[in-house]
Amino acid sequence: MPNTRVELCFDGTRYRGWQRQTSSETTIQGKLEHFLSRYCHEPIHVIGCSRTDAGVHAEQYVLNFHSKAEVHHASLLQSADEFLPDDIVLTSVAPCAERFHARFHCLYKTYSYRITRKSKANPFIRLYRYACSEDLDMASMHQAATLLEGSHDFRCFTTQKPDKKATTRHIFSISIEEHPDELWLQFSGDGFLWNMVRILAGSLLEIGMEPGKLALLPQYLDTQNRLIAASMLPAQGLTLQNVSFEPYALSPSKTSSRV
């Protein structure tokens, strides 16, 4: 069955996250499946590259879906502009290999957490920043970021139930960028646990405010006790920046090239 790859961006402020929920119609996946099912005149299930939390944004998000109907890509983009909410925008549509899976073929994801260095965020960006005016020890934060890179069991840095799935992940890099009146924390890895980035950001910020806690970071990783790690920062500062895929998985197969 032909497979279609879609790139989009969204403002997650008013949504209860990516994943479809029976108790709520305000999810990104729910809105997209409703739209695509109407467009294709058949039930459509979309596969997303990440299960973003409620209130989290995305500058580049990728999904795929299979459809019996012929998908006219330019027409789909035009229809999306007309019928999708203004806070969900499709940026590209293309055929892809029939076996392409937006979640399983993702090589890495990059998230950013943005902090305004004021006691209160500018009202025009308050839905996309966390406000923190405390003095920060940047050297300690950079050291902490280096310690968190690599493969670790991040059970301490997730709200995921301990009896569910493996909690080891590999973080390729954590960068801390200082901008005028802002701090950008950027996390690139092969995958992230539920609320993991927001807790990691909270840990870095806590160490910036209390540098003595840097020495406790190895203990957090070793004990795997969620109760001793830092608090989770609010969702509005978090954005999925980009995702990368295995090149061979993107190429249209003979079956999907006729879409």
C-alpha atoms as a PDB file:
ATOM      1  CA  MET A   1       0.000   0.000   0.000  1.00  0.00           C
ATOM      2  CA  PRO A   2       1.475   3.418  -0.940  1.00  0.00           C
ATOM      3  CA  ASN A   3       3.190   5.235   1.903  1.00  0.00           C
ATOM      4  CA  THR A   4       3.285   9.023   2.293  1.00  0.00           C
ATOM      5  CA  ARG A   5       5.748  11.048   4.354  1.00  0.00           C
ATOM      6  CA  VAL A   6       4.632  14.377   5.803  1.00  0.00           C
ATOM      7  CA  GLU A   7       6.656  17.090   7.493  1.00  0.00           C
ATOM      8  CA  LEU A   8       4.871  19.600   9.706  1.00  0.00           C
ATOM      9  CA  CYS A   9       5.316  22.076  12.511  1.00  0.00           C
ATOM     10  CA  PHE A  10       2.943  22.868  15.338  1.00  0.00           C
ATOM     11  CA  ASP A  11       2.351  25.028  18.365  1.00  0.00           C
ATOM     12  CA  GLY A  12       1.459  22.572  21.121  1.00  0.00           C
ATOM     13  CA  THR A  13       0.069  25.135  23.563  1.00  0.00           C
ATOM     14  CA  ARG A  14      -3.577  24.108  23.391  1.00  0.00           C
ATOM     15  CA  TYR A  15      -3.067  20.386  22.754  1.00  0.00           C
ATOM     16  CA  ARG A  16      -2.819  17.449  25.106  1.00  0.00           C
ATOM     17  CA  GLY A  17       0.257  16.169  23.344  1.00  0.00           C
ATOM     18  CA  TRP A  18       0.804  14.185  20.170  1.00  0.00           C
ATOM     19  CA  GLN A  19      -0.863  10.885  20.953  1.00  0.00           C
ATOM     20  CA  ARG A  20      -4.516  10.275  20.169  1.00  0.00           C
ATOM     21  CA  GLN A  21      -6.702   9.993  23.289  1.00  0.00           C
ATOM     22  CA  THR A  22     -10.184   8.587  23.683  1.00  0.00           C
ATOM     23  CA  SER A  23     -10.913  11.159  26.400  1.00  0.00           C
ATOM     24  CA  SER A  24      -9.938  14.220  24.371  1.00  0.00           C
ATOM     25  CA  GLU A  25     -10.186  15.479  20.797  1.00  0.00           C
ATOM     26  CA  THR A  26      -7.432  18.058  21.292  1.00  0.00           C
ATOM     27  CA  THR A  27      -4.355  16.051  20.295  1.00  0.00           C
ATOM     28  CA  ILE A  28      -2.106  16.617  17.297  1.00  0.00           C
ATOM     29  CA  GLN A  29      -2.509  13.038  16.064  1.00  0.00           C
ATOM     30  CA  GLY A  30      -6.271  13.201  16.487  1.00  0.00           C
ATOM     31  CA  LYS A  31      -6.585  16.416  14.458  1.00  0.00           C
ATOM     32  CA  LEU A  32      -4.371  15.054  11.659  1.00  0.00           C
ATOM     33  CA  GLU A  33      -6.136  11.692  11.428  1.00  0.00           C
ATOM     34  CA  HIS A  34      -9.526  13.390  11.279  1.00  0.00           C
ATOM     35  CA  PHE A  35      -8.328  15.648   8.455  1.00  0.00           C
ATOM     36  CA  LEU A  36      -6.527  12.910   6.481  1.00  0.00           C
ATOM     37  CA  SER A  37      -9.437  10.478   6.817  1.00  0.00           C
ATOM     38  CA  ARG A  38     -11.747  13.062   5.279  1.00  0.00           C
ATOM     39  CA  TYR A  39      -9.256  13.882   2.550  1.00  0.00           C
ATOM     40  CA  CYS A  40      -8.599  10.227   1.609  1.00  0.00           C
ATOM     41  CA  HIS A  41     -12.214   9.079   2.156  1.00  0.00           C
ATOM     42  CA  GLU A  42     -10.981   6.192   4.321  1.00  0.00           C
ATOM     43  CA  PRO A  43      -9.820   5.708   7.916  1.00  0.00           C
ATOM     44  CA  ILE A  44      -6.213   6.887   8.227  1.00  0.00           C
ATOM     45  CA  HIS A  45      -3.777   6.038  11.025  1.00  0.00           C
ATOM     46  CA  VAL A  46      -0.674   8.219  11.157  1.00  0.00           C
ATOM     47  CA  ILE A  47       2.691   7.132  12.578  1.00  0.00           C
ATOM     48  CA  GLY A  48       4.577   9.945  14.295  1.00  0.00           C
ATOM     49  CA  CYS A  49       8.301  10.291  14.928  1.00  0.00           C
ATOM     50  CA  SER A  50       7.822  11.255  18.594  1.00  0.00           C
ATOM     51  CA  ARG A  51       5.156  11.309  21.281  1.00  0.00           C
ATOM     52  CA  THR A  52       5.488  14.901  22.405  1.00  0.00           C
ATOM     53  CA  ASP A  53       3.917  15.887  25.725  1.00  0.00           C
ATOM     54  CA  ALA A  54       1.044  18.289  26.271  1.00  0.00           C
ATOM     55  CA  GLY A  55       2.134  21.853  25.565  1.00  0.00           C
ATOM     56  CA  VAL A  56       5.333  20.890  23.708  1.00  0.00           C
ATOM     57  CA  HIS A  57       6.016  22.420  20.291  1.00  0.00           C
ATOM     58  CA  ALA A  58       7.674  21.149  17.107  1.00  0.00           C
ATOM     59  CA  GLU A  59       9.589  23.043  14.429  1.00  0.00           C
ATOM     60  CA  GLN A  60      10.124  19.857  12.410  1.00  0.00           C
ATOM     61  CA  TYR A  61       7.931  16.833  12.954  1.00  0.00           C
ATOM     62  CA  VAL A  62       7.684  13.856  10.587  1.00  0.00           C
ATOM     63  CA  LEU A  63       4.882  11.337  10.170  1.00  0.00           C
ATOM     64  CA  ASN A  64       3.879   8.740   7.617  1.00  0.00           C
ATOM     65  CA  PHE A  65       0.616   7.106   6.658  1.00  0.00           C
ATOM     66  CA  HIS A  66      -0.575   4.403   4.279  1.00  0.00           C
ATOM     67  CA  SER A  67      -3.599   4.973   2.079  1.00  0.00           C
ATOM     68  CA  LYS A  68      -5.443   3.055  -0.597  1.00  0.00           C
ATOM     69  CA  ALA A  69      -6.459   6.326  -2.185  1.00  0.00           C
ATOM     70  CA  GLU A  70      -4.193   8.246  -4.520  1.00  0.00           C
ATOM     71  CA  VAL A  71      -2.610  11.146  -2.645  1.00  0.00           C
ATOM     72  CA  HIS A  72      -2.055  14.305  -4.699  1.00  0.00           C
ATOM     73  CA  HIS A  73       0.639  16.021  -2.691  1.00  0.00           C
ATOM     74  CA  ALA A  74       0.095  19.632  -3.795  1.00  0.00           C
ATOM     75  CA  SER A  75      -3.628  19.201  -3.299  1.00  0.00           C
ATOM     76  CA  LEU A  76      -3.092  17.765   0.172  1.00  0.00           C
ATOM     77  CA  LEU A  77      -0.990  20.758   1.232  1.00  0.00           C
ATOM     78  CA  GLN A  78      -3.610  23.156  -0.082  1.00  0.00           C
ATOM     79  CA  SER A  79      -6.402  21.282   1.655  1.00  0.00           C
ATOM     80  CA  ALA A  80      -4.418  21.226   4.913  1.00  0.00           C
ATOM     81  CA  ASP A  81      -4.046  24.999   4.803  1.00  0.00           C
ATOM     82  CA  GLU A  82      -7.802  25.264   4.461  1.00  0.00           C
ATOM     83  CA  PHE A  83      -9.026  22.698   6.979  1.00  0.00           C
ATOM     84  CA  LEU A  84      -6.351  22.235   9.650  1.00  0.00           C
ATOM     85  CA  PRO A  85      -6.140  24.657  12.596  1.00  0.00           C
ATOM     86  CA  ASP A  86      -3.698  27.538  12.204  1.00  0.00           C
ATOM     87  CA  ASP A  87      -1.387  26.075  14.875  1.00  0.00           C
ATOM     88  CA  ILE A  88      -0.728  22.911  12.804  1.00  0.00           C
ATOM     89  CA  VAL A  89       0.952  23.490   9.434  1.00  0.00           C
ATOM     90  CA  LEU A  90       2.052  20.865   6.900  1.00  0.00           C
ATOM     91  CA  THR A  91       5.323  21.948   5.283  1.00  0.00           C
ATOM     92  CA  SER A  92       5.974  19.095   2.822  1.00  0.00           C
ATOM     93  CA  VAL A  93       4.349  15.932   1.500  1.00  0.00           C
ATOM     94  CA  ALA A  94       6.163  13.251  -0.487  1.00  0.00           C
ATOM     95  CA  PRO A  95       5.974   9.552  -1.368  1.00  0.00           C
ATOM     96  CA  CYS A  96       8.368   7.339   0.571  1.00  0.00           C
ATOM     97  CA  ALA A  97       9.428   3.722   0.743  1.00  0.00           C
ATOM     98  CA  GLU A  98       6.577   1.426   1.686  1.00  0.00           C
ATOM     99  CA  ARG A  99       8.552   0.166   4.683  1.00  0.00           C
ATOM    100  CA  PHE A 100       9.379   3.678   5.982  1.00  0.00           C
ATOM    101  CA  HIS A 101       8.280   4.090   9.611  1.00  0.00           C
ATOM    102  CA  ALA A 102       8.574   7.573  11.107  1.00  0.00           C
ATOM    103  CA  ARG A 103       9.307   6.228  14.574  1.00  0.00           C
ATOM    104  CA  PHE A 104      11.440   3.143  14.005  1.00  0.00           C
ATOM    105  CA  HIS A 105      13.626   4.611  11.244  1.00  0.00           C
ATOM    106  CA  CYS A 106      14.474   7.773  13.168  1.00  0.00           C
ATOM    107  CA  LEU A 107      18.236   7.951  13.843  1.00  0.00           C
ATOM    108  CA  TYR A 108      18.173  10.849  16.263  1.00  0.00           C
ATOM    109  CA  LYS A 109      16.037  13.695  17.571  1.00  0.00           C
ATOM    110  CA  THR A 110      17.063  17.141  18.741  1.00  0.00           C
ATOM    111  CA  TYR A 111      15.057  19.018  21.345  1.00  0.00           C
ATOM    112  CA  SER A 112      15.683  22.521  22.632  1.00  0.00           C
ATOM    113  CA  TYR A 113      14.595  24.001  25.940  1.00  0.00           C
ATOM    114  CA  ARG A 114      14.580  27.792  25.929  1.00  0.00           C
ATOM    115  CA  ILE A 115      14.842  29.927  29.034  1.00  0.00           C
ATOM    116  CA  THR A 116      14.405  33.677  29.293  1.00  0.00           C
ATOM    117  CA  ARG A 117      16.771  35.218  31.849  1.00  0.00           C
ATOM    118  CA  LYS A 118      14.116  37.448  33.372  1.00  0.00           C
ATOM    119  CA  SER A 119      11.645  37.042  36.218  1.00  0.00           C
ATOM    120  CA  LYS A 120       8.793  37.185  33.718  1.00  0.00           C
ATOM    121  CA  ALA A 121       8.846  36.313  30.043  1.00  0.00           C
ATOM    122  CA  ASN A 122       7.945  38.821  27.356  1.00  0.00           C
ATOM    123  CA  PRO A 123       4.191  38.287  26.728  1.00  0.00           C
ATOM    124  CA  PHE A 124       4.825  37.684  23.028  1.00  0.00           C
ATOM    125  CA  ILE A 125       7.088  34.672  23.765  1.00  0.00           C
ATOM    126  CA  ARG A 126       5.759  33.521  27.124  1.00  0.00           C
ATOM    127  CA  LEU A 127       4.177  30.413  25.569  1.00  0.00           C
ATOM    128  CA  TYR A 128       7.602  29.305  24.274  1.00  0.00           C
ATOM    129  CA  ARG A 129       9.985  30.174  27.123  1.00  0.00           C
ATOM    130  CA  TYR A 130      10.519  29.379  30.787  1.00  0.00           C
ATOM    131  CA  ALA A 131      11.457  32.385  32.919  1.00  0.00           C
ATOM    132  CA  CYS A 132      14.417  32.177  35.313  1.00  0.00           C
ATOM    133  CA  SER A 133      16.244  35.282  36.562  1.00  0.00           C
ATOM    134  CA  GLU A 134      18.550  33.463  39.022  1.00  0.00           C
ATOM    135  CA  ASP A 135      22.318  33.839  38.713  1.00  0.00           C
ATOM    136  CA  LEU A 136      23.707  30.678  37.106  1.00  0.00           C
ATOM    137  CA  ASP A 137      27.114  29.028  37.324  1.00  0.00           C
ATOM    138  CA  MET A 138      27.590  28.303  33.637  1.00  0.00           C
ATOM    139  CA  ALA A 139      30.818  26.325  34.138  1.00  0.00           C
ATOM    140  CA  SER A 140      29.013  23.835  36.387  1.00  0.00           C
ATOM    141  CA  MET A 141      26.177  23.524  33.906  1.00  0.00           C
ATOM    142  CA  HIS A 142      28.602  22.734  31.086  1.00  0.00           C
ATOM    143  CA  GLN A 143      30.325  20.092  33.240  1.00  0.00           C
ATOM    144  CA  ALA A 144      26.966  18.522  34.062  1.00  0.00           C
ATOM    145  CA  ALA A 145      26.029  18.443  30.383  1.00  0.00           C
ATOM    146  CA  THR A 146      29.243  16.569  29.567  1.00  0.00           C
ATOM    147  CA  LEU A 147      28.562  14.012  32.316  1.00  0.00           C
ATOM    148  CA  LEU A 148      25.074  13.347  30.935  1.00  0.00           C
ATOM    149  CA  GLU A 149      26.270  12.695  27.396  1.00  0.00           C
ATOM    150  CA  GLY A 150      26.722   9.103  26.239  1.00  0.00           C
ATOM    151  CA  SER A 151      24.775   5.955  27.124  1.00  0.00           C
ATOM    152  CA  HIS A 152      23.144   5.861  30.556  1.00  0.00           C
ATOM    153  CA  ASP A 153      20.151   4.389  32.291  1.00  0.00           C
ATOM    154  CA  PHE A 154      18.004   7.511  32.600  1.00  0.00           C
ATOM    155  CA  ARG A 155      15.386   5.958  34.890  1.00  0.00           C
ATOM    156  CA  CYS A 156      16.036   8.805  37.345  1.00  0.00           C
ATOM    157  CA  PHE A 157      15.145  11.350  34.678  1.00  0.00           C
ATOM    158  CA  THR A 158      11.733  10.100  33.578  1.00  0.00           C
ATOM    159  CA  THR A 159       8.208   9.909  34.944  1.00  0.00           C
ATOM    160  CA  GLN A 160       7.759   6.653  33.032  1.00  0.00           C
ATOM    161  CA  LYS A 161       6.618   3.771  35.234  1.00  0.00           C
ATOM    162  CA  PRO A 162       9.599   1.610  36.239  1.00  0.00           C
ATOM    163  CA  ASP A 163       7.996  -1.613  34.989  1.00  0.00           C
ATOM    164  CA  LYS A 164       7.675  -0.285  31.428  1.00  0.00           C
ATOM    165  CA  LYS A 165      10.300  -0.652  28.714  1.00  0.00           C
ATOM    166  CA  ALA A 166      14.051  -0.180  28.826  1.00  0.00           C
ATOM    167  CA  THR A 167      15.281   3.147  30.176  1.00  0.00           C
ATOM    168  CA  THR A 168      18.784   3.238  28.666  1.00  0.00           C
ATOM    169  CA  ARG A 169      19.273   5.932  26.039  1.00  0.00           C
ATOM    170  CA  HIS A 170      22.260   7.445  24.231  1.00  0.00           C
ATOM    171  CA  ILE A 171      22.646  11.229  24.223  1.00  0.00           C
ATOM    172  CA  PHE A 172      24.967  12.343  21.433  1.00  0.00           C
ATOM    173  CA  SER A 173      25.324  15.903  22.639  1.00  0.00           C
ATOM    174  CA  ILE A 174      24.009  18.501  25.071  1.00  0.00           C
ATOM    175  CA  SER A 175      24.815  22.095  24.211  1.00  0.00           C
ATOM    176  CA  ILE A 176      24.195  25.228  26.237  1.00  0.00           C
ATOM    177  CA  GLU A 177      23.994  28.405  24.188  1.00  0.00           C
ATOM    178  CA  GLU A 178      23.923  31.861  25.715  1.00  0.00           C
ATOM    179  CA  HIS A 179      21.912  34.430  23.770  1.00  0.00           C
ATOM    180  CA  PRO A 180      20.966  37.985  24.769  1.00  0.00           C
ATOM    181  CA  ASP A 181      18.609  37.538  27.744  1.00  0.00           C
ATOM    182  CA  GLU A 182      18.138  33.870  26.880  1.00  0.00           C
ATOM    183  CA  LEU A 183      19.629  30.433  27.448  1.00  0.00           C
ATOM    184  CA  TRP A 184      19.075  27.591  24.986  1.00  0.00           C
ATOM    185  CA  LEU A 185      19.623  24.018  26.114  1.00  0.00           C
ATOM    186  CA  GLN A 186      19.824  21.571  23.211  1.00  0.00           C
ATOM    187  CA  PHE A 187      19.639  17.786  23.533  1.00  0.00           C
ATOM    188  CA  SER A 188      20.383  15.347  20.670  1.00  0.00           C
ATOM    189  CA  GLY A 189      19.921  11.631  21.182  1.00  0.00           C
ATOM    190  CA  ASP A 190      18.677   8.363  19.742  1.00  0.00           C
ATOM    191  CA  GLY A 191      15.488   8.675  21.759  1.00  0.00           C
ATOM    192  CA  PHE A 192      14.074  10.177  24.927  1.00  0.00           C
ATOM    193  CA  LEU A 193      11.899   8.813  27.716  1.00  0.00           C
ATOM    194  CA  TRP A 194       8.652  10.357  28.896  1.00  0.00           C
ATOM    195  CA  ASN A 195       9.398  13.882  30.219  1.00  0.00           C
ATOM    196  CA  MET A 196      13.145  13.112  30.111  1.00  0.00           C
ATOM    197  CA  VAL A 197      14.270  16.322  28.390  1.00  0.00           C
ATOM    198  CA  ARG A 198      12.269  18.528  30.750  1.00  0.00           C
ATOM    199  CA  ILE A 199      13.789  16.781  33.771  1.00  0.00           C
ATOM    200  CA  LEU A 200      17.304  16.978  32.326  1.00  0.00           C
ATOM    201  CA  ALA A 201      16.777  20.691  31.693  1.00  0.00           C
ATOM    202  CA  GLY A 202      15.575  21.069  35.269  1.00  0.00           C
ATOM    203  CA  SER A 203      18.679  19.274  36.538  1.00  0.00           C
ATOM    204  CA  LEU A 204      21.031  21.516  34.562  1.00  0.00           C
ATOM    205  CA  LEU A 205      19.233  24.613  35.775  1.00  0.00           C
ATOM    206  CA  GLU A 206      19.313  23.393  39.374  1.00  0.00           C
ATOM    207  CA  ILE A 207      23.075  22.779  39.152  1.00  0.00           C
ATOM    208  CA  GLY A 208      23.488  26.263  37.683  1.00  0.00           C
ATOM    209  CA  MET A 209      21.742  27.720  40.734  1.00  0.00           C
ATOM    210  CA  GLU A 210      23.390  25.342  43.242  1.00  0.00           C
ATOM    211  CA  PRO A 211      26.795  24.285  41.816  1.00  0.00           C
ATOM    212  CA  GLY A 212      27.425  21.952  44.757  1.00  0.00           C
ATOM    213  CA  LYS A 213      24.819  19.578  43.326  1.00  0.00           C
ATOM    214  CA  LEU A 214      27.110  18.824  40.389  1.00  0.00           C
ATOM    215  CA  ALA A 215      28.871  16.229  42.594  1.00  0.00           C
ATOM    216  CA  LEU A 216      25.532  14.424  43.075  1.00  0.00           C
ATOM    217  CA  LEU A 217      24.903  13.893  39.376  1.00  0.00           C
ATOM    218  CA  PRO A 218      26.724  10.502  39.143  1.00  0.00           C
ATOM    219  CA  GLN A 219      24.667   9.402  42.163  1.00  0.00           C
ATOM    220  CA  TYR A 220      21.448  10.315  40.364  1.00  0.00           C
ATOM    221  CA  LEU A 221      22.446   8.110  37.430  1.00  0.00           C
ATOM    222  CA  ASP A 222      23.618   5.225  39.620  1.00  0.00           C
ATOM    223  CA  THR A 223      20.698   5.078  42.053  1.00  0.00           C
ATOM    224  CA  GLN A 224      18.044   5.478  39.327  1.00  0.00           C
ATOM    225  CA  ASN A 225      15.713   7.008  41.899  1.00  0.00           C
ATOM    226  CA  ARG A 226      13.389   9.580  40.338  1.00  0.00           C
ATOM    227  CA  LEU A 227      12.655  11.120  43.744  1.00  0.00           C
ATOM    228  CA  ILE A 228      16.171  12.512  44.184  1.00  0.00           C
ATOM    229  CA  ALA A 229      16.564  14.196  40.796  1.00  0.00           C
ATOM    230  CA  ALA A 230      15.510  17.748  39.956  1.00  0.00           C
ATOM    231  CA  SER A 231      11.992  18.902  39.263  1.00  0.00           C
ATOM    232  CA  MET A 232      10.559  18.796  35.760  1.00  0.00           C
ATOM    233  CA  LEU A 233      10.418  22.159  33.996  1.00  0.00           C
ATOM    234  CA  PRO A 234       7.139  23.315  32.387  1.00  0.00           C
ATOM    235  CA  ALA A 235       6.298  22.163  28.868  1.00  0.00           C
ATOM    236  CA  GLN A 236       6.128  25.515  27.104  1.00  0.00           C
ATOM    237  CA  GLY A 237       9.908  25.921  26.886  1.00  0.00           C
ATOM    238  CA  LEU A 238      10.384  22.642  24.992  1.00  0.00           C
ATOM    239  CA  THR A 239      10.473  22.305  21.209  1.00  0.00           C
ATOM    240  CA  LEU A 240      11.299  19.373  18.953  1.00  0.00           C
ATOM    241  CA  GLN A 241      13.815  21.054  16.629  1.00  0.00           C
ATOM    242  CA  ASN A 242      14.549  18.371  14.061  1.00  0.00           C
ATOM    243  CA  VAL A 243      14.742  14.662  13.351  1.00  0.00           C
ATOM    244  CA  SER A 244      17.071  12.616  11.152  1.00  0.00           C
ATOM    245  CA  PHE A 245      16.331   9.386   9.292  1.00  0.00           C
ATOM    246  CA  GLU A 246      18.131   6.538   7.585  1.00  0.00           C
ATOM    247  CA  PRO A 247      18.438   7.718   3.943  1.00  0.00           C
ATOM    248  CA  TYR A 248      17.488   4.370   2.412  1.00  0.00           C
ATOM    249  CA  ALA A 249      14.207   4.373   4.312  1.00  0.00           C
ATOM    250  CA  LEU A 250      13.082   7.621   2.683  1.00  0.00           C
ATOM    251  CA  SER A 251      13.479   6.634  -0.978  1.00  0.00           C
ATOM    252  CA  PRO A 252      10.187   5.779  -2.650  1.00  0.00           C
ATOM    253  CA  SER A 253       9.778   2.135  -3.537  1.00  0.00           C
ATOM    254  CA  LYS A 254       8.212   1.053  -6.857  1.00  0.00           C
ATOM    255  CA  THR A 255       4.935   0.640  -5.067  1.00  0.00           C
ATOM    256  CA  SER A 256       4.868   4.111  -3.501  1.00  0.00           C
ATOM    257  CA  SER A 257       6.321   5.991  -6.478  1.00  0.00           C
ATOM    258  CA  ARG A 258       2.963   5.922  -8.235  1.00  0.00           C
ATOM    259  CA  VAL A 259       1.371   8.025  -5.490  1.00  0.00           C
END
